[in-house]
Amino acid sequence: MSDVTEIPGAAPGWTRLVVKSKLGMGLDLNVSDLQGNPVMVVDGKMGTSPKAEVQDPTGQVLYHLKGKFMGIPTKLEITDPG
């Protein structure tokens, strides 16, 4: 499914999003709606504890994500940047 127009719409009350990995590395993700409009970016950071920032299309940080235990995602903490 390379073309987002092939993806069926979401059920009533839900929003369907398309998530694509930048450079195929899986750390940074572009999230768009079915029309291809940017919704958010997930900026992943490498290290012993996985971290990421969820940003809106302008680069404003919406959430901070932090994992635990040497990169094994047994728990994920989500906090706002405030």
C-alpha atoms as a PDB file:
ATOM      1  CA  MET A   1       0.000   0.000   0.000  1.00  0.00           C
ATOM      2  CA  SER A   2       2.219   2.800  -1.160  1.00  0.00           C
ATOM      3  CA  ASP A   3      -0.601   5.251  -1.900  1.00  0.00           C
ATOM      4  CA  VAL A   4      -2.536   6.613   1.091  1.00  0.00           C
ATOM      5  CA  THR A   5      -5.709   6.840  -1.022  1.00  0.00           C
ATOM      6  CA  GLU A   6      -5.872   3.018  -0.945  1.00  0.00           C
ATOM      7  CA  ILE A   7      -6.333   3.015   2.835  1.00  0.00           C
ATOM      8  CA  PRO A   8      -9.993   2.788   3.890  1.00  0.00           C
ATOM      9  CA  GLY A   9     -11.472   5.554   6.030  1.00  0.00           C
ATOM     10  CA  ALA A  10     -11.822   5.252   9.789  1.00  0.00           C
ATOM     11  CA  ALA A  11     -14.886   4.056  11.648  1.00  0.00           C
ATOM     12  CA  PRO A  12     -17.262   6.786  12.876  1.00  0.00           C
ATOM     13  CA  GLY A  13     -15.718   8.715  15.769  1.00  0.00           C
ATOM     14  CA  TRP A  14     -12.153   7.614  14.916  1.00  0.00           C
ATOM     15  CA  THR A  15      -9.358   9.205  12.893  1.00  0.00           C
ATOM     16  CA  ARG A  16      -7.121   7.135  10.668  1.00  0.00           C
ATOM     17  CA  LEU A  17      -3.502   8.292  10.434  1.00  0.00           C
ATOM     18  CA  VAL A  18      -0.603   7.213   8.245  1.00  0.00           C
ATOM     19  CA  VAL A  19       2.727   6.676  10.036  1.00  0.00           C
ATOM     20  CA  LYS A  20       5.913   6.527   7.974  1.00  0.00           C
ATOM     21  CA  SER A  21       9.445   6.018   9.225  1.00  0.00           C
ATOM     22  CA  LYS A  22      12.001   8.600   8.137  1.00  0.00           C
ATOM     23  CA  LEU A  23      14.942   6.927   6.366  1.00  0.00           C
ATOM     24  CA  GLY A  24      13.503   3.514   7.302  1.00  0.00           C
ATOM     25  CA  MET A  25      15.287   3.584  10.658  1.00  0.00           C
ATOM     26  CA  GLY A  26      12.187   3.440  12.870  1.00  0.00           C
ATOM     27  CA  LEU A  27      13.352   6.179  15.270  1.00  0.00           C
ATOM     28  CA  ASP A  28      11.798   9.207  13.593  1.00  0.00           C
ATOM     29  CA  LEU A  29       8.236   9.046  12.305  1.00  0.00           C
ATOM     30  CA  ASN A  30       6.107  11.311  10.128  1.00  0.00           C
ATOM     31  CA  VAL A  31       2.377  11.126  10.894  1.00  0.00           C
ATOM     32  CA  SER A  32      -0.156  12.419   8.365  1.00  0.00           C
ATOM     33  CA  ASP A  33      -3.867  12.197   7.679  1.00  0.00           C
ATOM     34  CA  LEU A  34      -5.247  10.225   4.730  1.00  0.00           C
ATOM     35  CA  GLN A  35      -4.966  13.308   2.484  1.00  0.00           C
ATOM     36  CA  GLY A  36      -1.220  13.509   3.192  1.00  0.00           C
ATOM     37  CA  ASN A  37      -1.407  16.570   5.452  1.00  0.00           C
ATOM     38  CA  PRO A  38       1.212  16.508   8.255  1.00  0.00           C
ATOM     39  CA  VAL A  39      -0.321  15.908  11.693  1.00  0.00           C
ATOM     40  CA  MET A  40       2.737  15.347  13.868  1.00  0.00           C
ATOM     41  CA  VAL A  41       6.342  14.189  13.955  1.00  0.00           C
ATOM     42  CA  VAL A  42       7.844  11.717  16.423  1.00  0.00           C
ATOM     43  CA  ASP A  43      11.518  12.546  16.966  1.00  0.00           C
ATOM     44  CA  GLY A  44      13.137   9.454  18.471  1.00  0.00           C
ATOM     45  CA  LYS A  45      16.411   9.532  20.399  1.00  0.00           C
ATOM     46  CA  MET A  46      18.827   6.615  20.654  1.00  0.00           C
ATOM     47  CA  GLY A  47      20.335   5.507  23.945  1.00  0.00           C
ATOM     48  CA  THR A  48      20.031   2.991  26.759  1.00  0.00           C
ATOM     49  CA  SER A  49      16.625   4.440  27.647  1.00  0.00           C
ATOM     50  CA  PRO A  50      14.407   5.123  24.609  1.00  0.00           C
ATOM     51  CA  LYS A  51      13.166   8.705  24.392  1.00  0.00           C
ATOM     52  CA  ALA A  52      11.133  10.655  21.880  1.00  0.00           C
ATOM     53  CA  GLU A  53       9.363  13.948  21.420  1.00  0.00           C
ATOM     54  CA  VAL A  54       5.976  14.225  19.747  1.00  0.00           C
ATOM     55  CA  GLN A  55       5.868  17.511  17.827  1.00  0.00           C
ATOM     56  CA  ASP A  56       3.183  19.288  15.845  1.00  0.00           C
ATOM     57  CA  PRO A  57       3.984  20.141  12.185  1.00  0.00           C
ATOM     58  CA  THR A  58       5.582  23.465  13.247  1.00  0.00           C
ATOM     59  CA  GLY A  59       8.044  21.726  15.595  1.00  0.00           C
ATOM     60  CA  GLN A  60       6.256  22.631  18.849  1.00  0.00           C
ATOM     61  CA  VAL A  61       6.786  19.808  21.382  1.00  0.00           C
ATOM     62  CA  LEU A  62       3.442  18.312  22.441  1.00  0.00           C
ATOM     63  CA  TYR A  63       4.642  15.338  24.532  1.00  0.00           C
ATOM     64  CA  HIS A  64       7.819  13.739  25.836  1.00  0.00           C
ATOM     65  CA  LEU A  65       8.062   9.939  25.712  1.00  0.00           C
ATOM     66  CA  LYS A  66      10.504   7.958  27.848  1.00  0.00           C
ATOM     67  CA  GLY A  67      10.961   4.205  28.050  1.00  0.00           C
ATOM     68  CA  LYS A  68      12.628   2.053  30.692  1.00  0.00           C
ATOM     69  CA  PHE A  69      15.198  -0.733  31.041  1.00  0.00           C
ATOM     70  CA  MET A  70      17.878  -0.667  28.344  1.00  0.00           C
ATOM     71  CA  GLY A  71      15.526  -0.031  25.438  1.00  0.00           C
ATOM     72  CA  ILE A  72      13.054  -2.831  26.204  1.00  0.00           C
ATOM     73  CA  PRO A  73       9.660  -1.079  26.094  1.00  0.00           C
ATOM     74  CA  THR A  74       8.149  -2.653  29.206  1.00  0.00           C
ATOM     75  CA  LYS A  75       6.817   0.744  30.302  1.00  0.00           C
ATOM     76  CA  LEU A  76       6.419   4.062  28.512  1.00  0.00           C
ATOM     77  CA  GLU A  77       6.028   7.347  30.375  1.00  0.00           C
ATOM     78  CA  ILE A  78       4.309  10.201  28.511  1.00  0.00           C
ATOM     79  CA  THR A  79       4.571  13.752  29.861  1.00  0.00           C
ATOM     80  CA  ASP A  80       3.671  17.165  28.525  1.00  0.00           C
ATOM     81  CA  PRO A  81       6.504  19.654  28.041  1.00  0.00           C
ATOM     82  CA  GLY A  82       5.173  22.038  30.740  1.00  0.00           C
END
